Amino acid sequence: MAYATLVMKNEKTDQIKNCPVGFSWTVMFFGFFPPLFRGDFKYSIIIFLCACVTFGLSSLVFMFLYNKLYIKDLVSNGFKAKSVSLGTIEQVSAKIGIQIEQID
């Protein structure tokens, strides 16, 4: 599957988030700033501290993992998939290994 974007919605707060699936080009180029701008302060701090300790080498790991971690946190906070830009929600769920509920 090529690059896809999930649109996630929290039905309790009506908050909508766009979530890229797969490799994070933004983390590769900008490090901890993409999580910071998404409001994901937990992973922004984690990526920043790991980069400081490993002299930036941890970014080589986070660019492959961050989007999956972001989606996992959103799902645990009550977000459900509203739509996906490419493929089906079931395909994206299988690709990242996380059960994503869909809004009816």
Protein backbone atom coordinates (compact mmCIF):
# COMPACT_ATOMS: atom_id res chain seq x y z
CA MET A 1 0.00 0.00 0.00
CA ALA A 2 1.24 3.45 -0.82
CA TYR A 3 1.06 6.46 1.47
CA ALA A 4 -2.38 6.93 3.08
CA THR A 5 -3.91 9.42 5.50
CA LEU A 6 -6.49 8.48 8.11
CA VAL A 7 -9.08 11.00 9.21
CA MET A 8 -9.80 10.30 12.88
CA LYS A 9 -12.66 11.77 14.91
CA ASN A 10 -13.37 11.80 18.63
CA GLU A 11 -17.15 11.56 18.88
CA LYS A 12 -17.19 12.95 22.43
CA THR A 13 -15.27 16.14 21.63
CA ASP A 14 -15.93 16.37 17.84
CA GLN A 15 -12.18 16.84 17.38
CA ILE A 16 -10.84 15.72 13.98
CA LYS A 17 -7.21 14.75 13.30
CA ASN A 18 -5.47 13.83 10.05
CA CYS A 19 -3.02 10.98 10.58
CA PRO A 20 -0.44 9.96 7.98
CA VAL A 21 0.22 6.21 7.85
CA GLY A 22 3.69 4.72 7.49
CA PHE A 23 7.05 6.46 7.22
CA SER A 24 7.19 9.95 8.75
CA TRP A 25 9.00 12.28 6.39
CA THR A 26 8.34 15.20 8.69
CA VAL A 27 10.07 13.54 11.67
CA MET A 28 12.96 12.64 9.38
CA PHE A 29 13.51 16.27 8.38
CA PHE A 30 12.28 18.17 11.44
CA GLY A 31 12.76 15.83 14.41
CA PHE A 32 10.57 16.63 17.41
CA PHE A 33 8.76 19.60 15.78
CA PRO A 34 5.98 17.64 13.96
CA PRO A 35 4.69 16.04 17.19
CA LEU A 36 4.91 19.45 18.86
CA PHE A 37 2.81 21.10 16.12
CA ARG A 38 0.28 18.23 16.23
CA GLY A 39 -0.18 18.82 19.95
CA ASP A 40 1.44 15.48 20.77
CA PHE A 41 3.61 16.83 23.59
CA LYS A 42 4.42 13.41 25.04
CA TYR A 43 6.21 12.17 21.92
CA SER A 44 7.68 15.58 21.20
CA ILE A 45 9.48 15.45 24.55
CA ILE A 46 10.44 11.78 24.12
CA ILE A 47 11.91 12.37 20.64
CA PHE A 48 13.75 15.50 21.83
CA LEU A 49 15.29 13.78 24.86
CA CYS A 50 16.25 10.67 22.88
CA ALA A 51 17.84 12.86 20.20
CA CYS A 52 19.87 14.68 22.85
CA VAL A 53 21.10 11.44 24.41
CA THR A 54 21.90 9.71 21.10
CA PHE A 55 23.20 12.82 19.28
CA GLY A 56 20.28 12.64 16.83
CA LEU A 57 20.62 8.97 15.89
CA SER A 58 17.29 8.09 17.52
CA SER A 59 15.57 10.01 14.72
CA LEU A 60 16.49 7.10 12.45
CA VAL A 61 14.16 4.94 14.55
CA PHE A 62 11.38 7.46 15.21
CA MET A 63 10.87 8.30 11.53
CA PHE A 64 9.71 4.70 11.03
CA LEU A 65 7.64 4.47 14.24
CA TYR A 66 6.14 7.86 15.01
CA ASN A 67 3.01 7.81 12.83
CA LYS A 68 2.03 4.40 14.23
CA LEU A 69 2.61 5.62 17.80
CA TYR A 70 0.51 8.74 17.09
CA ILE A 71 -2.41 6.69 15.73
CA LYS A 72 -2.18 4.27 18.67
CA ASP A 73 -2.40 7.18 21.15
CA LEU A 74 -5.40 8.66 19.32
CA VAL A 75 -7.22 5.31 19.35
CA SER A 76 -6.55 4.94 23.09
CA ASN A 77 -7.98 8.44 23.60
CA GLY A 78 -11.30 7.53 21.96
CA PHE A 79 -10.68 8.51 18.35
CA LYS A 80 -12.29 6.41 15.61
CA ALA A 81 -11.56 6.31 11.89
CA LYS A 82 -13.86 8.47 9.81
CA SER A 83 -12.23 7.89 6.42
CA VAL A 84 -8.98 7.01 4.69
CA SER A 85 -7.47 8.61 1.61
CA LEU A 86 -6.15 5.41 0.04
CA GLY A 87 -7.42 1.85 0.45
CA THR A 88 -9.75 0.82 3.26
CA ILE A 89 -9.64 1.30 7.00
CA GLU A 90 -9.27 -2.47 7.41
CA GLN A 91 -6.17 -2.45 5.17
CA VAL A 92 -4.61 0.40 7.14
CA SER A 93 -5.48 -1.31 10.42
CA ALA A 94 -3.81 -4.53 9.25
CA LYS A 95 -0.75 -2.65 7.97
CA ILE A 96 -0.01 -0.91 11.25
CA GLY A 97 -1.19 -3.78 13.47
CA ILE A 98 -3.70 -1.75 15.48
CA GLN A 99 -7.43 -2.42 15.60
CA ILE A 100 -9.04 0.84 14.52
CA GLU A 101 -12.75 1.26 15.08
CA GLN A 102 -14.74 2.97 12.36
CA ILE A 103 -17.44 5.58 12.82
CA ASP A 104 -20.76 4.25 11.54
